Amino acid sequence: GLDNVTAIVDVNALQADGPTKGVLR
């Protein structure tokens, strides 16, 4: 119940090996 944690996810859809959806959806 760690309500003192907030994650912020940067979804830019790109990884070193290519588009995120192609690497691992």
mmCIF file of all heavy atoms, coordinates in Angstrom:
data_MODEL
# 
_entry.id   MODEL 
# 
loop_
_atom_site.group_PDB 
_atom_site.id 
_atom_site.type_symbol 
_atom_site.label_atom_id 
_atom_site.label_alt_id 
_atom_site.label_comp_id 
_atom_site.label_asym_id 
_atom_site.label_entity_id 
_atom_site.label_seq_id 
_atom_site.pdbx_PDB_ins_code 
_atom_site.Cartn_x 
_atom_site.Cartn_y 
_atom_site.Cartn_z 
_atom_site.occupancy 
_atom_site.B_iso_or_equiv 
_atom_site.pdbx_formal_charge 
_atom_site.auth_seq_id 
_atom_site.auth_comp_id 
_atom_site.auth_asym_id 
_atom_site.auth_atom_id 
_atom_site.pdbx_PDB_model_num 
ATOM 1   N N   . GLY A 1 1  ? 0.802  -1.217 0.000   1.00 0.00 ? 1  GLY A N   1 
ATOM 2   C CA  . GLY A 1 1  ? 0.000  0.000  0.000   1.00 0.00 ? 1  GLY A CA  1 
ATOM 3   C C   . GLY A 1 1  ? 0.832  1.262  0.000   1.00 0.00 ? 1  GLY A C   1 
ATOM 4   O O   . GLY A 1 1  ? 0.511  2.225  0.711   1.00 0.00 ? 1  GLY A O   1 
ATOM 5   N N   . LEU A 1 2  ? 1.876  1.278  -0.808  1.00 0.00 ? 2  LEU A N   1 
ATOM 6   C CA  . LEU A 1 2  ? 2.813  2.406  -0.788  1.00 0.00 ? 2  LEU A CA  1 
ATOM 7   C C   . LEU A 1 2  ? 2.255  3.581  -1.578  1.00 0.00 ? 2  LEU A C   1 
ATOM 8   O O   . LEU A 1 2  ? 2.609  3.829  -2.740  1.00 0.00 ? 2  LEU A O   1 
ATOM 9   C CB  . LEU A 1 2  ? 4.174  1.965  -1.344  1.00 0.00 ? 2  LEU A CB  1 
ATOM 10  C CG  . LEU A 1 2  ? 4.901  0.895  -0.534  1.00 0.00 ? 2  LEU A CG  1 
ATOM 11  C CD1 . LEU A 1 2  ? 6.234  0.527  -1.184  1.00 0.00 ? 2  LEU A CD1 1 
ATOM 12  C CD2 . LEU A 1 2  ? 5.113  1.349  0.911   1.00 0.00 ? 2  LEU A CD2 1 
ATOM 13  N N   . ASP A 1 3  ? 1.386  4.338  -0.925  1.00 0.00 ? 3  ASP A N   1 
ATOM 14  C CA  . ASP A 1 3  ? 0.828  5.515  -1.583  1.00 0.00 ? 3  ASP A CA  1 
ATOM 15  C C   . ASP A 1 3  ? 1.789  6.697  -1.543  1.00 0.00 ? 3  ASP A C   1 
ATOM 16  O O   . ASP A 1 3  ? 1.433  7.802  -1.967  1.00 0.00 ? 3  ASP A O   1 
ATOM 17  C CB  . ASP A 1 3  ? -0.529 5.895  -0.985  1.00 0.00 ? 3  ASP A CB  1 
ATOM 18  C CG  . ASP A 1 3  ? -0.510 6.054  0.525   1.00 0.00 ? 3  ASP A CG  1 
ATOM 19  O OD1 . ASP A 1 3  ? 0.601  6.112  1.109   1.00 0.00 ? 3  ASP A OD1 1 
ATOM 20  O OD2 . ASP A 1 3  ? -1.594 6.112  1.130   1.00 0.00 ? 3  ASP A OD2 1 
ATOM 21  N N   . ASN A 1 4  ? 3.010  6.466  -1.054  1.00 0.00 ? 4  ASN A N   1 
ATOM 22  C CA  . ASN A 1 4  ? 4.064  7.480  -1.135  1.00 0.00 ? 4  ASN A CA  1 
ATOM 23  C C   . ASN A 1 4  ? 4.997  7.210  -2.314  1.00 0.00 ? 4  ASN A C   1 
ATOM 24  O O   . ASN A 1 4  ? 6.114  7.714  -2.365  1.00 0.00 ? 4  ASN A O   1 
ATOM 25  C CB  . ASN A 1 4  ? 4.859  7.579  0.173   1.00 0.00 ? 4  ASN A CB  1 
ATOM 26  C CG  . ASN A 1 4  ? 5.468  6.251  0.609   1.00 0.00 ? 4  ASN A CG  1 
ATOM 27  O OD1 . ASN A 1 4  ? 5.072  5.188  0.137   1.00 0.00 ? 4  ASN A OD1 1 
ATOM 28  N ND2 . ASN A 1 4  ? 6.423  6.306  1.533   1.00 0.00 ? 4  ASN A ND2 1 
ATOM 29  N N   . VAL A 1 5  ? 4.528  6.408  -3.272  1.00 0.00 ? 5  VAL A N   1 
ATOM 30  C CA  . VAL A 1 5  ? 5.273  6.131  -4.502  1.00 0.00 ? 5  VAL A CA  1 
ATOM 31  C C   . VAL A 1 5  ? 4.438  6.557  -5.702  1.00 0.00 ? 5  VAL A C   1 
ATOM 32  O O   . VAL A 1 5  ? 3.264  6.199  -5.811  1.00 0.00 ? 5  VAL A O   1 
ATOM 33  C CB  . VAL A 1 5  ? 5.618  4.635  -4.639  1.00 0.00 ? 5  VAL A CB  1 
ATOM 34  C CG1 . VAL A 1 5  ? 6.178  4.334  -6.033  1.00 0.00 ? 5  VAL A CG1 1 
ATOM 35  C CG2 . VAL A 1 5  ? 6.613  4.197  -3.582  1.00 0.00 ? 5  VAL A CG2 1 
ATOM 36  N N   . THR A 1 6  ? 5.051  7.301  -6.597  1.00 0.00 ? 6  THR A N   1 
ATOM 37  C CA  . THR A 1 6  ? 4.450  7.617  -7.888  1.00 0.00 ? 6  THR A CA  1 
ATOM 38  C C   . THR A 1 6  ? 5.452  7.267  -8.978  1.00 0.00 ? 6  THR A C   1 
ATOM 39  O O   . THR A 1 6  ? 6.575  7.784  -8.989  1.00 0.00 ? 6  THR A O   1 
ATOM 40  C CB  . THR A 1 6  ? 4.075  9.108  -8.005  1.00 0.00 ? 6  THR A CB  1 
ATOM 41  O OG1 . THR A 1 6  ? 3.089  9.431  -7.025  1.00 0.00 ? 6  THR A OG1 1 
ATOM 42  C CG2 . THR A 1 6  ? 3.517  9.415  -9.388  1.00 0.00 ? 6  THR A CG2 1 
ATOM 43  N N   . ALA A 1 7  ? 5.064  6.375  -9.866  1.00 0.00 ? 7  ALA A N   1 
ATOM 44  C CA  . ALA A 1 7  ? 5.880  6.057  -11.036 1.00 0.00 ? 7  ALA A CA  1 
ATOM 45  C C   . ALA A 1 7  ? 5.456  6.967  -12.181 1.00 0.00 ? 7  ALA A C   1 
ATOM 46  O O   . ALA A 1 7  ? 4.281  7.291  -12.335 1.00 0.00 ? 7  ALA A O   1 
ATOM 47  C CB  . ALA A 1 7  ? 5.696  4.593  -11.426 1.00 0.00 ? 7  ALA A CB  1 
ATOM 48  N N   . ILE A 1 8  ? 6.424  7.385  -12.979 1.00 0.00 ? 8  ILE A N   1 
ATOM 49  C CA  . ILE A 1 8  ? 6.162  8.202  -14.164 1.00 0.00 ? 8  ILE A CA  1 
ATOM 50  C C   . ILE A 1 8  ? 6.793  7.454  -15.339 1.00 0.00 ? 8  ILE A C   1 
ATOM 51  O O   . ILE A 1 8  ? 8.020  7.289  -15.384 1.00 0.00 ? 8  ILE A O   1 
ATOM 52  C CB  . ILE A 1 8  ? 6.780  9.602  -14.040 1.00 0.00 ? 8  ILE A CB  1 
ATOM 53  C CG1 . ILE A 1 8  ? 6.325  10.286 -12.750 1.00 0.00 ? 8  ILE A CG1 1 
ATOM 54  C CG2 . ILE A 1 8  ? 6.434  10.453 -15.264 1.00 0.00 ? 8  ILE A CG2 1 
ATOM 55  C CD1 . ILE A 1 8  ? 7.152  11.516 -12.385 1.00 0.00 ? 8  ILE A CD1 1 
ATOM 56  N N   . VAL A 1 9  ? 5.976  6.970  -16.253 1.00 0.00 ? 9  VAL A N   1 
ATOM 57  C CA  . VAL A 1 9  ? 6.475  6.153  -17.356 1.00 0.00 ? 9  VAL A CA  1 
ATOM 58  C C   . VAL A 1 9  ? 6.548  6.992  -18.627 1.00 0.00 ? 9  VAL A C   1 
ATOM 59  O O   . VAL A 1 9  ? 5.528  7.516  -19.096 1.00 0.00 ? 9  VAL A O   1 
ATOM 60  C CB  . VAL A 1 9  ? 5.593  4.917  -17.598 1.00 0.00 ? 9  VAL A CB  1 
ATOM 61  C CG1 . VAL A 1 9  ? 6.207  4.037  -18.686 1.00 0.00 ? 9  VAL A CG1 1 
ATOM 62  C CG2 . VAL A 1 9  ? 5.419  4.109  -16.312 1.00 0.00 ? 9  VAL A CG2 1 
ATOM 63  N N   . ASP A 1 10 ? 7.749  7.120  -19.175 1.00 0.00 ? 10 ASP A N   1 
ATOM 64  C CA  . ASP A 1 10 ? 7.929  7.816  -20.444 1.00 0.00 ? 10 ASP A CA  1 
ATOM 65  C C   . ASP A 1 10 ? 7.669  6.826  -21.577 1.00 0.00 ? 10 ASP A C   1 
ATOM 66  O O   . ASP A 1 10 ? 8.486  5.948  -21.847 1.00 0.00 ? 10 ASP A O   1 
ATOM 67  C CB  . ASP A 1 10 ? 9.348  8.378  -20.541 1.00 0.00 ? 10 ASP A CB  1 
ATOM 68  C CG  . ASP A 1 10 ? 9.638  8.981  -21.906 1.00 0.00 ? 10 ASP A CG  1 
ATOM 69  O OD1 . ASP A 1 10 ? 8.685  9.519  -22.520 1.00 0.00 ? 10 ASP A OD1 1 
ATOM 70  O OD2 . ASP A 1 10 ? 10.795 8.907  -22.370 1.00 0.00 ? 10 ASP A OD2 1 
ATOM 71  N N   . VAL A 1 11 ? 6.539  6.971  -22.229 1.00 0.00 ? 11 VAL A N   1 
ATOM 72  C CA  . VAL A 1 11 ? 6.189  6.091  -23.344 1.00 0.00 ? 11 VAL A CA  1 
ATOM 73  C C   . VAL A 1 11 ? 6.494  6.842  -24.647 1.00 0.00 ? 11 VAL A C   1 
ATOM 74  O O   . VAL A 1 11 ? 5.653  7.555  -25.180 1.00 0.00 ? 11 VAL A O   1 
ATOM 75  C CB  . VAL A 1 11 ? 4.702  5.675  -23.285 1.00 0.00 ? 11 VAL A CB  1 
ATOM 76  C CG1 . VAL A 1 11 ? 4.364  4.735  -24.440 1.00 0.00 ? 11 VAL A CG1 1 
ATOM 77  C CG2 . VAL A 1 11 ? 4.390  5.000  -21.956 1.00 0.00 ? 11 VAL A CG2 1 
ATOM 78  N N   . ASN A 1 12 ? 7.732  6.688  -25.121 1.00 0.00 ? 12 ASN A N   1 
ATOM 79  C CA  . ASN A 1 12 ? 8.089  7.317  -26.394 1.00 0.00 ? 12 ASN A CA  1 
ATOM 80  C C   . ASN A 1 12 ? 8.086  6.309  -27.537 1.00 0.00 ? 12 ASN A C   1 
ATOM 81  O O   . ASN A 1 12 ? 8.412  6.646  -28.678 1.00 0.00 ? 12 ASN A O   1 
ATOM 82  C CB  . ASN A 1 12 ? 9.442  8.024  -26.304 1.00 0.00 ? 12 ASN A CB  1 
ATOM 83  C CG  . ASN A 1 12 ? 10.593 7.097  -25.933 1.00 0.00 ? 12 ASN A CG  1 
ATOM 84  O OD1 . ASN A 1 12 ? 10.606 5.922  -26.288 1.00 0.00 ? 12 ASN A OD1 1 
ATOM 85  N ND2 . ASN A 1 12 ? 11.576 7.620  -25.208 1.00 0.00 ? 12 ASN A ND2 1 
ATOM 86  N N   . ALA A 1 13 ? 7.700  5.072  -27.224 1.00 0.00 ? 13 ALA A N   1 
ATOM 87  C CA  . ALA A 1 13 ? 7.477  4.014  -28.222 1.00 0.00 ? 13 ALA A CA  1 
ATOM 88  C C   . ALA A 1 13 ? 8.736  3.593  -28.970 1.00 0.00 ? 13 ALA A C   1 
ATOM 89  O O   . ALA A 1 13 ? 8.653  2.983  -30.033 1.00 0.00 ? 13 ALA A O   1 
ATOM 90  C CB  . ALA A 1 13 ? 6.387  4.442  -29.209 1.00 0.00 ? 13 ALA A CB  1 
ATOM 91  N N   . LEU A 1 14 ? 9.920  3.896  -28.387 1.00 0.00 ? 14 LEU A N   1 
ATOM 92  C CA  . LEU A 1 14 ? 11.162 3.552  -29.070 1.00 0.00 ? 14 LEU A CA  1 
ATOM 93  C C   . LEU A 1 14 ? 12.181 2.989  -28.099 1.00 0.00 ? 14 LEU A C   1 
ATOM 94  O O   . LEU A 1 14 ? 12.329 3.498  -26.990 1.00 0.00 ? 14 LEU A O   1 
ATOM 95  C CB  . LEU A 1 14 ? 11.751 4.791  -29.761 1.00 0.00 ? 14 LEU A CB  1 
ATOM 96  C CG  . LEU A 1 14 ? 13.005 4.575  -30.604 1.00 0.00 ? 14 LEU A CG  1 
ATOM 97  C CD1 . LEU A 1 14 ? 12.694 3.723  -31.824 1.00 0.00 ? 14 LEU A CD1 1 
ATOM 98  C CD2 . LEU A 1 14 ? 13.594 5.919  -31.033 1.00 0.00 ? 14 LEU A CD2 1 
ATOM 99  N N   . GLN A 1 15 ? 12.876 1.936  -28.534 1.00 0.00 ? 15 GLN A N   1 
ATOM 100 C CA  . GLN A 1 15 ? 13.950 1.348  -27.749 1.00 0.00 ? 15 GLN A CA  1 
ATOM 101 C C   . GLN A 1 15 ? 15.203 1.259  -28.610 1.00 0.00 ? 15 GLN A C   1 
ATOM 102 O O   . GLN A 1 15 ? 15.164 1.548  -29.813 1.00 0.00 ? 15 GLN A O   1 
ATOM 103 C CB  . GLN A 1 15 ? 13.545 -0.035 -27.245 1.00 0.00 ? 15 GLN A CB  1 
ATOM 104 C CG  . GLN A 1 15 ? 12.318 -0.033 -26.349 1.00 0.00 ? 15 GLN A CG  1 
ATOM 105 C CD  . GLN A 1 15 ? 11.976 -1.417 -25.822 1.00 0.00 ? 15 GLN A CD  1 
ATOM 106 O OE1 . GLN A 1 15 ? 12.842 -2.265 -25.659 1.00 0.00 ? 15 GLN A OE1 1 
ATOM 107 N NE2 . GLN A 1 15 ? 10.692 -1.652 -25.559 1.00 0.00 ? 15 GLN A NE2 1 
ATOM 108 N N   . ALA A 1 16 ? 16.296 0.823  -28.021 1.00 0.00 ? 16 ALA A N   1 
ATOM 109 C CA  . ALA A 1 16 ? 17.552 0.720  -28.762 1.00 0.00 ? 16 ALA A CA  1 
ATOM 110 C C   . ALA A 1 16 ? 17.427 -0.214 -29.960 1.00 0.00 ? 16 ALA A C   1 
ATOM 111 O O   . ALA A 1 16 ? 18.037 0.011  -31.009 1.00 0.00 ? 16 ALA A O   1 
ATOM 112 C CB  . ALA A 1 16 ? 18.666 0.250  -27.830 1.00 0.00 ? 16 ALA A CB  1 
ATOM 113 N N   . ASP A 1 17 ? 16.625 -1.260 -29.820 1.00 0.00 ? 17 ASP A N   1 
ATOM 114 C CA  . ASP A 1 17 ? 16.486 -2.252 -30.888 1.00 0.00 ? 17 ASP A CA  1 
ATOM 115 C C   . ASP A 1 17 ? 15.338 -1.970 -31.845 1.00 0.00 ? 17 ASP A C   1 
ATOM 116 O O   . ASP A 1 17 ? 15.080 -2.775 -32.742 1.00 0.00 ? 17 ASP A O   1 
ATOM 117 C CB  . ASP A 1 17 ? 16.298 -3.654 -30.276 1.00 0.00 ? 17 ASP A CB  1 
ATOM 118 C CG  . ASP A 1 17 ? 17.540 -4.117 -29.534 1.00 0.00 ? 17 ASP A CG  1 
ATOM 119 O OD1 . ASP A 1 17 ? 18.648 -3.699 -29.925 1.00 0.00 ? 17 ASP A OD1 1 
ATOM 120 O OD2 . ASP A 1 17 ? 17.409 -4.896 -28.575 1.00 0.00 ? 17 ASP A OD2 1 
ATOM 121 N N   . GLY A 1 18 ? 14.634 -0.855 -31.639 1.00 0.00 ? 18 GLY A N   1 
ATOM 122 C CA  . GLY A 1 18 ? 13.546 -0.517 -32.550 1.00 0.00 ? 18 GLY A CA  1 
ATOM 123 C C   . GLY A 1 18 ? 12.297 -0.095 -31.811 1.00 0.00 ? 18 GLY A C   1 
ATOM 124 O O   . GLY A 1 18 ? 12.321 0.113  -30.596 1.00 0.00 ? 18 GLY A O   1 
ATOM 125 N N   . PRO A 1 19 ? 11.178 0.022  -32.535 1.00 0.00 ? 19 PRO A N   1 
ATOM 126 C CA  . PRO A 1 19 ? 9.920  0.417  -31.899 1.00 0.00 ? 19 PRO A CA  1 
ATOM 127 C C   . PRO A 1 19 ? 9.526  -0.549 -30.784 1.00 0.00 ? 19 PRO A C   1 
ATOM 128 O O   . PRO A 1 19 ? 9.683  -1.766 -30.917 1.00 0.00 ? 19 PRO A O   1 
ATOM 129 C CB  . PRO A 1 19 ? 8.906  0.366  -33.050 1.00 0.00 ? 19 PRO A CB  1 
ATOM 130 C CG  . PRO A 1 19 ? 9.745  0.555  -34.286 1.00 0.00 ? 19 PRO A CG  1 
ATOM 131 C CD  . PRO A 1 19 ? 11.047 -0.133 -33.992 1.00 0.00 ? 19 PRO A CD  1 
ATOM 132 N N   . THR A 1 20 ? 9.032  0.005  -29.687 1.00 0.00 ? 20 THR A N   1 
ATOM 133 C CA  . THR A 1 20 ? 8.674  -0.814 -28.527 1.00 0.00 ? 20 THR A CA  1 
ATOM 134 C C   . THR A 1 20 ? 7.704  -1.928 -28.893 1.00 0.00 ? 20 THR A C   1 
ATOM 135 O O   . THR A 1 20 ? 7.857  -3.071 -28.452 1.00 0.00 ? 20 THR A O   1 
ATOM 136 C CB  . THR A 1 20 ? 8.060  0.075  -27.426 1.00 0.00 ? 20 THR A CB  1 
ATOM 137 O OG1 . THR A 1 20 ? 9.036  1.039  -27.012 1.00 0.00 ? 20 THR A OG1 1 
ATOM 138 C CG2 . THR A 1 20 ? 7.632  -0.744 -26.225 1.00 0.00 ? 20 THR A CG2 1 
ATOM 139 N N   . LYS A 1 21 ? 6.717  -1.629 -29.712 1.00 0.00 ? 21 LYS A N   1 
ATOM 140 C CA  . LYS A 1 21 ? 5.715  -2.640 -30.046 1.00 0.00 ? 21 LYS A CA  1 
ATOM 141 C C   . LYS A 1 21 ? 6.312  -3.799 -30.828 1.00 0.00 ? 21 LYS A C   1 
ATOM 142 O O   . LYS A 1 21 ? 5.754  -4.905 -30.831 1.00 0.00 ? 21 LYS A O   1 
ATOM 143 C CB  . LYS A 1 21 ? 4.565  -2.009 -30.836 1.00 0.00 ? 21 LYS A CB  1 
ATOM 144 C CG  . LYS A 1 21 ? 4.947  -1.458 -32.204 1.00 0.00 ? 21 LYS A CG  1 
ATOM 145 C CD  . LYS A 1 21 ? 3.742  -0.838 -32.893 1.00 0.00 ? 21 LYS A CD  1 
ATOM 146 C CE  . LYS A 1 21 ? 4.110  -0.290 -34.278 1.00 0.00 ? 21 LYS A CE  1 
ATOM 147 N NZ  . LYS A 1 21 ? 2.924  0.336  -34.926 1.00 0.00 ? 21 LYS A NZ  1 
ATOM 148 N N   . GLY A 1 22 ? 7.462  -3.566 -31.473 1.00 0.00 ? 22 GLY A N   1 
ATOM 149 C CA  . GLY A 1 22 ? 8.122  -4.640 -32.199 1.00 0.00 ? 22 GLY A CA  1 
ATOM 150 C C   . GLY A 1 22 ? 9.088  -5.429 -31.340 1.00 0.00 ? 22 GLY A C   1 
ATOM 151 O O   . GLY A 1 22 ? 9.315  -6.625 -31.574 1.00 0.00 ? 22 GLY A O   1 
ATOM 152 N N   . VAL A 1 23 ? 9.674  -4.777 -30.325 1.00 0.00 ? 23 VAL A N   1 
ATOM 153 C CA  . VAL A 1 23 ? 10.621 -5.456 -29.437 1.00 0.00 ? 23 VAL A CA  1 
ATOM 154 C C   . VAL A 1 23 ? 9.866  -6.353 -28.461 1.00 0.00 ? 23 VAL A C   1 
ATOM 155 O O   . VAL A 1 23 ? 10.143 -7.547 -28.332 1.00 0.00 ? 23 VAL A O   1 
ATOM 156 C CB  . VAL A 1 23 ? 11.479 -4.430 -28.676 1.00 0.00 ? 23 VAL A CB  1 
ATOM 157 C CG1 . VAL A 1 23 ? 12.399 -5.133 -27.674 1.00 0.00 ? 23 VAL A CG1 1 
ATOM 158 C CG2 . VAL A 1 23 ? 12.301 -3.592 -29.651 1.00 0.00 ? 23 VAL A CG2 1 
ATOM 159 N N   . LEU A 1 24 ? 8.904  -5.772 -27.759 1.00 0.00 ? 24 LEU A N   1 
ATOM 160 C CA  . LEU A 1 24 ? 8.055  -6.529 -26.843 1.00 0.00 ? 24 LEU A CA  1 
ATOM 161 C C   . LEU A 1 24 ? 6.815  -5.689 -26.568 1.00 0.00 ? 24 LEU A C   1 
ATOM 162 O O   . LEU A 1 24 ? 6.899  -4.663 -25.897 1.00 0.00 ? 24 LEU A O   1 
ATOM 163 C CB  . LEU A 1 24 ? 8.783  -6.853 -25.534 1.00 0.00 ? 24 LEU A CB  1 
ATOM 164 C CG  . LEU A 1 24 ? 8.047  -7.793 -24.575 1.00 0.00 ? 24 LEU A CG  1 
ATOM 165 C CD1 . LEU A 1 24 ? 7.843  -9.176 -25.209 1.00 0.00 ? 24 LEU A CD1 1 
ATOM 166 C CD2 . LEU A 1 24 ? 8.811  -7.951 -23.263 1.00 0.00 ? 24 LEU A CD2 1 
ATOM 167 N N   . ARG A 1 25 ? 5.689  -6.106 -27.089 1.00 0.00 ? 25 ARG A N   1 
ATOM 168 C CA  . ARG A 1 25 ? 4.470  -5.312 -26.961 1.00 0.00 ? 25 ARG A CA  1 
ATOM 169 C C   . ARG A 1 25 ? 4.033  -5.223 -25.498 1.00 0.00 ? 25 ARG A C   1 
ATOM 170 O O   . ARG A 1 25 ? 3.890  -6.239 -24.827 1.00 0.00 ? 25 ARG A O   1 
ATOM 171 C CB  . ARG A 1 25 ? 3.354  -5.939 -27.804 1.00 0.00 ? 25 ARG A CB  1 
ATOM 172 C CG  . ARG A 1 25 ? 2.097  -5.092 -27.881 1.00 0.00 ? 25 ARG A CG  1 
ATOM 173 C CD  . ARG A 1 25 ? 1.045  -5.709 -28.807 1.00 0.00 ? 25 ARG A CD  1 
ATOM 174 N NE  . ARG A 1 25 ? 0.551  -6.978 -28.305 1.00 0.00 ? 25 ARG A NE  1 
ATOM 175 C CZ  . ARG A 1 25 ? 0.851  -8.171 -28.805 1.00 0.00 ? 25 ARG A CZ  1 
ATOM 176 N NH1 . ARG A 1 25 ? 1.669  -8.250 -29.854 1.00 0.00 ? 25 ARG A NH1 1 
ATOM 177 N NH2 . ARG A 1 25 ? 0.350  -9.271 -28.300 1.00 0.00 ? 25 ARG A NH2 1 
# 
